[in-house]
C-alpha cells in the first residue's frame, strides 16, 4: 500500500503546493481509510486496493488544490493536519 500512498501523495503535492509532504500523506491516508470503511459499511464487498486508489486519485484531481482550506473551515481536524506554518 505504501506505493499507492506515495503516488497519491506526490500527485496531491503537485496539485496543492501549500501542503507539506506530511500533510499530503495524512490526507491520502484519511481519504483511503474513509473510502474503504464507508464502502464496507454500505455492504459492498471489498473491491481491492486498485479501486480505492482510483477513487482517491479522482478526489485529488477534483478537490486536491483546496484541501488546505478544509482545516481552516473545520477546526476539529486541525490536530490531524497541522504542520508548522504550512497552513494558511
C-alpha atoms as a PDB file:
ATOM      1  CA  UNK A   1       0.000   0.000   0.000  1.00  0.00           C
ATOM      2  CA  UNK A   2       2.942   2.308   0.529  1.00  0.00           C
ATOM      3  CA  UNK A   3       3.433   2.591  -3.228  1.00  0.00           C
ATOM      4  CA  UNK A   4      -0.182   3.652  -3.698  1.00  0.00           C
ATOM      5  CA  UNK A   5       0.056   6.158  -0.871  1.00  0.00           C
ATOM      6  CA  UNK A   6       3.309   7.615  -2.134  1.00  0.00           C
ATOM      7  CA  UNK A   7       1.963   8.002  -5.671  1.00  0.00           C
ATOM      8  CA  UNK A   8      -1.168   9.725  -4.378  1.00  0.00           C
ATOM      9  CA  UNK A   9       0.859  11.917  -2.024  1.00  0.00           C
ATOM     10  CA  UNK A  10       3.096  13.026  -4.869  1.00  0.00           C
ATOM     11  CA  UNK A  11       0.075  13.854  -7.003  1.00  0.00           C
ATOM     12  CA  UNK A  12      -1.543  15.823  -4.180  1.00  0.00           C
ATOM     13  CA  UNK A  13       1.645  17.808  -3.642  1.00  0.00           C
ATOM     14  CA  UNK A  14       1.665  18.670  -7.350  1.00  0.00           C
ATOM     15  CA  UNK A  15      -1.948  19.897  -7.102  1.00  0.00           C
ATOM     16  CA  UNK A  16      -1.519  21.738  -3.814  1.00  0.00           C
ATOM     17  CA  UNK A  17       1.782  23.422  -3.112  1.00  0.00           C
ATOM     18  CA  UNK A  18       0.522  24.840   0.183  1.00  0.00           C
ATOM     19  CA  UNK A  19       0.842  21.452   1.880  1.00  0.00           C
ATOM     20  CA  UNK A  20       3.842  19.727   3.315  1.00  0.00           C
ATOM     21  CA  UNK A  21       4.637  16.132   2.426  1.00  0.00           C
ATOM     22  CA  UNK A  22       3.447  15.066   5.868  1.00  0.00           C
ATOM     23  CA  UNK A  23       0.094  16.839   5.432  1.00  0.00           C
ATOM     24  CA  UNK A  24      -0.433  15.386   1.964  1.00  0.00           C
ATOM     25  CA  UNK A  25       0.334  11.872   3.199  1.00  0.00           C
ATOM     26  CA  UNK A  26      -2.087  12.358   6.100  1.00  0.00           C
ATOM     27  CA  UNK A  27      -4.792  13.437   3.643  1.00  0.00           C
ATOM     28  CA  UNK A  28      -4.163  10.401   1.465  1.00  0.00           C
ATOM     29  CA  UNK A  29      -4.322   8.051   4.441  1.00  0.00           C
ATOM     30  CA  UNK A  30      -7.525   9.667   5.742  1.00  0.00           C
ATOM     31  CA  UNK A  31      -9.236   9.566   2.349  1.00  0.00           C
ATOM     32  CA  UNK A  32      -8.112   5.984   1.788  1.00  0.00           C
ATOM     33  CA  UNK A  33      -9.435   4.771   5.124  1.00  0.00           C
ATOM     34  CA  UNK A  34     -12.637   6.795   4.798  1.00  0.00           C
ATOM     35  CA  UNK A  35     -13.453   5.320   1.412  1.00  0.00           C
ATOM     36  CA  UNK A  36     -12.741   1.737   2.440  1.00  0.00           C
ATOM     37  CA  UNK A  37     -14.738   1.974   5.661  1.00  0.00           C
ATOM     38  CA  UNK A  38     -17.689   3.750   4.034  1.00  0.00           C
ATOM     39  CA  UNK A  39     -17.706   1.234   1.193  1.00  0.00           C
ATOM     40  CA  UNK A  40     -17.730  -1.650   3.674  1.00  0.00           C
ATOM     41  CA  UNK A  41     -20.444  -0.075   5.844  1.00  0.00           C
ATOM     42  CA  UNK A  42     -22.607   0.242   2.738  1.00  0.00           C
ATOM     43  CA  UNK A  43     -22.418  -3.545   2.455  1.00  0.00           C
ATOM     44  CA  UNK A  44     -20.183  -3.738  -0.587  1.00  0.00           C
ATOM     45  CA  UNK A  45     -17.630  -6.494  -0.946  1.00  0.00           C
ATOM     46  CA  UNK A  46     -14.011  -5.340  -0.797  1.00  0.00           C
ATOM     47  CA  UNK A  47     -13.002  -4.301  -4.315  1.00  0.00           C
ATOM     48  CA  UNK A  48      -9.254  -4.114  -3.738  1.00  0.00           C
ATOM     49  CA  UNK A  49      -6.547  -1.507  -3.435  1.00  0.00           C
ATOM     50  CA  UNK A  50      -6.742  -0.613  -7.113  1.00  0.00           C
ATOM     51  CA  UNK A  51     -10.322   0.612  -6.764  1.00  0.00           C
ATOM     52  CA  UNK A  52      -9.526   2.601  -3.646  1.00  0.00           C
ATOM     53  CA  UNK A  53      -6.550   4.103  -5.469  1.00  0.00           C
ATOM     54  CA  UNK A  54      -8.769   5.162  -8.385  1.00  0.00           C
ATOM     55  CA  UNK A  55     -11.352   6.763  -6.108  1.00  0.00           C
ATOM     56  CA  UNK A  56      -8.816   8.686  -4.008  1.00  0.00           C
ATOM     57  CA  UNK A  57      -6.998   9.703  -7.193  1.00  0.00           C
ATOM     58  CA  UNK A  58     -10.272  11.129  -8.545  1.00  0.00           C
ATOM     59  CA  UNK A  59     -10.875  13.059  -5.323  1.00  0.00           C
ATOM     60  CA  UNK A  60      -7.380  14.518  -5.533  1.00  0.00           C
ATOM     61  CA  UNK A  61      -8.000  15.528  -9.151  1.00  0.00           C
ATOM     62  CA  UNK A  62     -11.256  17.223  -8.228  1.00  0.00           C
ATOM     63  CA  UNK A  63     -10.532  18.747  -4.832  1.00  0.00           C
ATOM     64  CA  UNK A  64      -6.809  18.462  -4.102  1.00  0.00           C
ATOM     65  CA  UNK A  65      -5.955  22.081  -4.697  1.00  0.00           C
ATOM     66  CA  UNK A  66      -8.413  23.117  -1.977  1.00  0.00           C
ATOM     67  CA  UNK A  67      -7.700  20.521   0.723  1.00  0.00           C
ATOM     68  CA  UNK A  68      -5.650  23.011   2.751  1.00  0.00           C
ATOM     69  CA  UNK A  69      -8.792  25.178   3.108  1.00  0.00           C
ATOM     70  CA  UNK A  70     -10.650  22.340   4.830  1.00  0.00           C
ATOM     71  CA  UNK A  71      -8.714  22.736   8.078  1.00  0.00           C
ATOM     72  CA  UNK A  72      -9.476  26.448   8.253  1.00  0.00           C
ATOM     73  CA  UNK A  73     -13.181  25.681   7.961  1.00  0.00           C
ATOM     74  CA  UNK A  74     -13.154  22.577  10.190  1.00  0.00           C
ATOM     75  CA  UNK A  75     -11.004  23.247  13.251  1.00  0.00           C
ATOM     76  CA  UNK A  76     -11.764  19.876  14.854  1.00  0.00           C
ATOM     77  CA  UNK A  77      -9.421  18.295  12.272  1.00  0.00           C
ATOM     78  CA  UNK A  78      -6.505  20.660  12.884  1.00  0.00           C
ATOM     79  CA  UNK A  79      -4.702  18.205  15.137  1.00  0.00           C
ATOM     80  CA  UNK A  80      -4.563  15.714  12.250  1.00  0.00           C
ATOM     81  CA  UNK A  81      -3.440  18.096   9.547  1.00  0.00           C
ATOM     82  CA  UNK A  82      -1.489  20.804  11.326  1.00  0.00           C
ATOM     83  CA  UNK A  83       2.138  21.175  10.336  1.00  0.00           C
ATOM     84  CA  UNK A  84       4.101  24.240  11.406  1.00  0.00           C
ATOM     85  CA  UNK A  85       3.318  27.311   9.307  1.00  0.00           C
ATOM     86  CA  UNK A  86       2.326  25.470   6.147  1.00  0.00           C
ATOM     87  CA  UNK A  87      -1.423  26.056   6.518  1.00  0.00           C
ATOM     88  CA  UNK A  88      -2.727  29.476   5.605  1.00  0.00           C
END
